[in-house]
Amino acid sequence: MGADWEKNNHFYILLVIITLLAMSVSLTESVLPLIVAMVATISGWVAFIYKYFSDRPKIKGKILQVMRGTFQNPEHPSEKLTSFTLFLYLTNARKNAIHLSDYILEIDTGNGFERMKMIRGITNQTFHFEYGQGGEVQIPDFNKRLIHRQSKPIEFGLPFYGYLMFGGDFKYFKADIRRYRITCVDVFDHKHKITTEPKKFVDLFYLQEVFGIKIPKA
């Protein structure tokens, strides 16, 4: 009887194993299409998200140079303010062109970024800036290269050059500015920030070639 019990026991064990294998195969066959569908759905969303962000314009560039000057406060003529003239290089890292609608300048003198005020309404003026080696640097036909007055979009891989002018408190005229940050706001209200340290500015001869500024002769 012991031999029969052992034989039956082996039979039952084999039957359980076969049943489990059958259940496993059945479960796999029923779940596999669901897994495939889930993977396909996730892949579709990943592709959609990737396309969304890869098509979304991304403005990159550099603040090439900043020239500081002074001007009278139009609201209080006896008060002097500091002007910041930014020479900008912009381009679009994505293939969809975009128009810019606003610009924000912030400067860091060691206590975090502080916002300056954009100066608009500049027309047909030639600006003069002191030159360290004597004389003045001139920027003729300034308004023609003002970025906010240009109607063309920022396109993929194409350089876009221009000026922007901002104003701030007179105390910034001789201040030690560590960083400049310009925020370009596009027509969809997306913000593109560019931060540059003064030590990375280009020299005036580069500006002469690209922007046509006039440097005093030695």
Protein backbone atom coordinates (compact mmCIF):
# COMPACT_ATOMS: atom_id res chain seq x y z
CA MET A 1 0.00 0.00 0.00
CA GLY A 2 2.91 2.25 0.67
CA ALA A 3 4.03 1.87 -2.94
CA ASP A 4 0.53 2.71 -4.27
CA TRP A 5 0.36 5.80 -2.03
CA GLU A 6 3.74 6.96 -3.26
CA LYS A 7 2.68 6.43 -6.86
CA ASN A 8 -0.59 8.31 -6.31
CA ASN A 9 1.27 11.09 -4.52
CA HIS A 10 3.62 11.51 -7.45
CA PHE A 11 0.61 11.55 -9.76
CA TYR A 12 -1.10 14.29 -7.76
CA ILE A 13 2.08 16.36 -7.66
CA LEU A 14 2.46 16.00 -11.43
CA LEU A 15 -1.20 16.95 -11.89
CA VAL A 16 -0.73 20.13 -9.80
CA ILE A 17 2.35 21.09 -11.81
CA ILE A 18 0.52 20.56 -15.11
CA THR A 19 -2.43 22.62 -13.84
CA LEU A 20 -0.16 25.47 -12.76
CA LEU A 21 1.62 25.45 -16.10
CA ALA A 22 -1.71 25.53 -17.91
CA MET A 23 -2.89 28.42 -15.76
CA SER A 24 0.39 30.24 -16.40
CA VAL A 25 0.06 29.83 -20.16
CA SER A 26 -3.56 30.92 -20.07
CA LEU A 27 -2.73 33.93 -17.92
CA THR A 28 0.16 34.90 -20.19
CA GLU A 29 -2.02 34.66 -23.28
CA SER A 30 -4.67 36.89 -21.71
CA VAL A 31 -2.31 39.46 -20.20
CA LEU A 32 0.14 39.71 -23.09
CA PRO A 33 -2.18 41.72 -25.38
CA LEU A 34 -2.90 44.09 -22.46
CA ILE A 35 0.83 44.58 -21.83
CA VAL A 36 1.43 45.22 -25.54
CA ALA A 37 -1.42 47.75 -25.62
CA MET A 38 -0.07 49.53 -22.53
CA VAL A 39 3.44 49.71 -23.99
CA ALA A 40 2.04 51.07 -27.27
CA THR A 41 0.01 53.70 -25.41
CA ILE A 42 2.97 54.77 -23.28
CA SER A 43 5.19 54.92 -26.36
CA GLY A 44 2.62 57.11 -28.09
CA TRP A 45 2.51 59.53 -25.15
CA VAL A 46 6.30 59.61 -24.94
CA ALA A 47 6.49 60.40 -28.66
CA PHE A 48 3.83 63.11 -28.26
CA ILE A 49 5.61 64.72 -25.29
CA TYR A 50 8.97 64.56 -27.05
CA LYS A 51 7.51 66.17 -30.17
CA TYR A 52 5.82 68.86 -28.08
CA PHE A 53 9.01 69.89 -26.34
CA SER A 54 11.25 69.47 -29.39
CA ASP A 55 8.92 71.69 -31.48
CA ARG A 56 8.61 74.34 -28.77
CA PRO A 57 10.95 77.25 -29.62
CA LYS A 58 13.99 77.65 -27.39
CA ILE A 59 15.85 80.95 -27.52
CA LYS A 60 19.56 80.83 -26.80
CA GLY A 61 22.25 83.45 -27.14
CA LYS A 62 24.57 85.77 -25.30
CA ILE A 63 24.85 89.31 -24.04
CA LEU A 64 27.85 90.37 -26.11
CA GLN A 65 28.52 93.66 -24.34
CA VAL A 66 26.89 96.22 -22.06
CA MET A 67 27.66 99.93 -22.24
CA ARG A 68 26.67 102.07 -19.31
CA GLY A 69 25.88 105.75 -19.52
CA THR A 70 23.78 108.39 -17.77
CA PHE A 71 20.68 110.30 -18.75
CA GLN A 72 18.18 112.64 -17.15
CA ASN A 73 15.03 111.23 -15.69
CA PRO A 74 12.27 112.54 -18.02
CA GLU A 75 9.87 112.70 -15.06
CA HIS A 76 12.37 114.47 -12.81
CA PRO A 77 14.91 116.36 -14.99
CA SER A 78 17.21 117.13 -12.06
CA GLU A 79 17.67 113.41 -11.37
CA LYS A 80 20.29 111.32 -13.17
CA LEU A 81 19.74 107.67 -14.06
CA THR A 82 22.00 104.92 -15.37
CA SER A 83 21.43 103.58 -18.87
CA PHE A 84 22.34 100.05 -19.91
CA THR A 85 22.77 99.43 -23.63
CA LEU A 86 22.83 95.71 -24.33
CA PHE A 87 24.35 94.25 -27.48
CA LEU A 88 22.57 90.95 -27.97
CA TYR A 89 23.06 87.83 -30.04
CA LEU A 90 20.04 85.51 -30.21
CA THR A 91 19.13 82.36 -32.09
CA ASN A 92 16.52 79.62 -31.95
CA ALA A 93 17.62 76.10 -30.98
CA ARG A 94 14.37 74.62 -32.32
CA LYS A 95 12.94 74.54 -35.82
CA ASN A 96 9.76 76.53 -35.20
CA ALA A 97 10.37 80.27 -35.58
CA ILE A 98 9.03 82.56 -32.86
CA HIS A 99 8.42 86.26 -32.30
CA LEU A 100 9.50 87.94 -29.07
CA SER A 101 7.22 90.42 -27.34
CA ASP A 102 9.04 91.63 -24.24
CA TYR A 103 12.43 91.75 -22.51
CA ILE A 104 13.45 91.90 -18.86
CA LEU A 105 16.92 92.92 -17.67
CA GLU A 106 18.22 92.02 -14.23
CA ILE A 107 21.64 92.79 -12.80
CA ASP A 108 23.47 91.19 -9.90
CA THR A 109 25.82 93.36 -7.84
CA GLY A 110 26.30 90.67 -5.20
CA ASN A 111 22.92 90.79 -3.50
CA GLY A 112 20.90 88.84 -6.04
CA PHE A 113 19.26 89.99 -9.25
CA GLU A 114 17.55 93.39 -9.41
CA ARG A 115 15.25 94.37 -12.24
CA MET A 116 15.87 97.39 -14.48
CA LYS A 117 13.30 99.28 -16.55
CA MET A 118 13.18 99.00 -20.31
CA ILE A 119 13.50 102.27 -22.25
CA ARG A 120 11.24 102.65 -25.26
CA GLY A 121 10.42 105.45 -27.68
CA ILE A 122 13.98 105.92 -28.96
CA THR A 123 13.99 107.34 -32.51
CA ASN A 124 16.66 108.63 -34.87
CA GLN A 125 19.29 109.19 -32.23
CA THR A 126 23.06 108.67 -32.17
CA PHE A 127 24.39 107.63 -28.78
CA HIS A 128 27.83 108.45 -27.40
CA PHE A 129 29.70 106.50 -24.73
CA GLU A 130 32.98 107.28 -23.04
CA TYR A 131 35.93 105.31 -24.37
CA GLY A 132 38.55 104.16 -21.87
CA GLN A 133 41.41 105.23 -24.14
CA GLY A 134 39.96 108.69 -24.78
CA GLY A 135 37.17 109.99 -26.97
CA GLU A 136 33.71 108.53 -27.41
CA VAL A 137 32.17 105.40 -28.91
CA GLN A 138 29.29 106.26 -31.24
CA ILE A 139 26.31 104.07 -32.13
CA PRO A 140 24.75 105.63 -35.25
CA ASP A 141 21.12 105.02 -36.26
CA PHE A 142 20.52 103.33 -32.95
CA ASN A 143 16.80 102.75 -33.44
CA LYS A 144 17.29 100.68 -36.62
CA ARG A 145 18.89 97.85 -34.66
CA LEU A 146 16.65 97.95 -31.61
CA ILE A 147 15.41 94.39 -31.23
CA HIS A 148 11.95 95.30 -29.98
CA ARG A 149 11.39 97.43 -33.12
CA GLN A 150 12.24 94.60 -35.52
CA SER A 151 9.38 92.52 -36.86
CA LYS A 152 11.21 89.40 -38.01
CA PRO A 153 11.04 86.21 -35.93
CA ILE A 154 13.92 84.37 -34.28
CA GLU A 155 14.63 81.41 -36.57
CA PHE A 156 16.41 78.10 -36.16
CA GLY A 157 20.18 78.40 -36.31
CA LEU A 158 20.19 81.95 -37.70
CA PRO A 159 22.01 84.71 -35.79
CA PHE A 160 19.86 87.64 -34.71
CA TYR A 161 21.71 90.76 -33.53
CA GLY A 162 20.38 93.92 -31.98
CA TYR A 163 20.31 96.40 -29.11
CA LEU A 164 18.15 96.89 -26.08
CA MET A 165 18.25 99.81 -23.67
CA PHE A 166 17.30 99.81 -20.00
CA GLY A 167 17.44 102.31 -17.18
CA GLY A 168 18.13 102.09 -13.46
CA ASP A 169 19.19 104.02 -10.42
CA PHE A 170 22.26 106.25 -10.77
CA LYS A 171 24.09 104.14 -8.17
CA TYR A 172 24.55 101.41 -10.77
CA PHE A 173 26.65 103.62 -13.06
CA LYS A 174 29.92 102.75 -11.31
CA ALA A 175 28.70 99.59 -9.54
CA ASP A 176 30.58 96.31 -9.76
CA ILE A 177 28.09 94.19 -11.68
CA ARG A 178 28.79 90.48 -11.52
CA ARG A 179 26.11 89.13 -13.80
CA TYR A 180 23.55 90.34 -16.31
CA ARG A 181 20.42 88.32 -17.02
CA ILE A 182 18.10 89.06 -19.93
CA THR A 183 14.74 87.30 -20.11
CA CYS A 184 13.18 87.13 -23.58
CA VAL A 185 9.41 86.65 -23.47
CA ASP A 186 7.85 85.16 -26.60
CA VAL A 187 4.33 85.71 -27.92
CA PHE A 188 3.11 82.59 -26.08
CA ASP A 189 4.46 84.04 -22.80
CA HIS A 190 7.27 81.51 -22.57
CA LYS A 191 10.37 82.94 -20.91
CA HIS A 192 13.89 82.33 -22.20
CA LYS A 193 16.66 83.40 -19.79
CA ILE A 194 20.23 84.23 -20.82
CA THR A 195 22.85 85.04 -18.16
CA THR A 196 26.30 86.43 -18.98
CA GLU A 197 29.21 87.54 -16.81
CA PRO A 198 31.08 90.73 -17.86
CA LYS A 199 34.35 88.79 -18.15
CA LYS A 200 32.78 86.94 -21.10
CA PHE A 201 31.93 90.09 -23.06
CA VAL A 202 33.41 90.55 -26.55
CA ASP A 203 35.73 93.46 -27.34
CA LEU A 204 34.65 96.67 -29.07
CA PHE A 205 36.28 95.70 -32.35
CA TYR A 206 33.86 92.77 -32.62
CA LEU A 207 30.99 95.21 -32.08
CA GLN A 208 32.46 97.49 -34.69
CA GLU A 209 32.40 94.69 -37.25
CA VAL A 210 28.94 93.33 -36.41
CA PHE A 211 27.02 96.46 -35.32
CA GLY A 212 28.94 99.22 -37.08
CA ILE A 213 29.76 101.22 -33.97
CA LYS A 214 32.43 103.89 -34.30
CA ILE A 215 35.54 103.62 -32.13
CA PRO A 216 37.92 106.60 -31.77
CA LYS A 217 41.15 106.21 -33.68
CA ALA A 218 44.28 105.80 -31.59
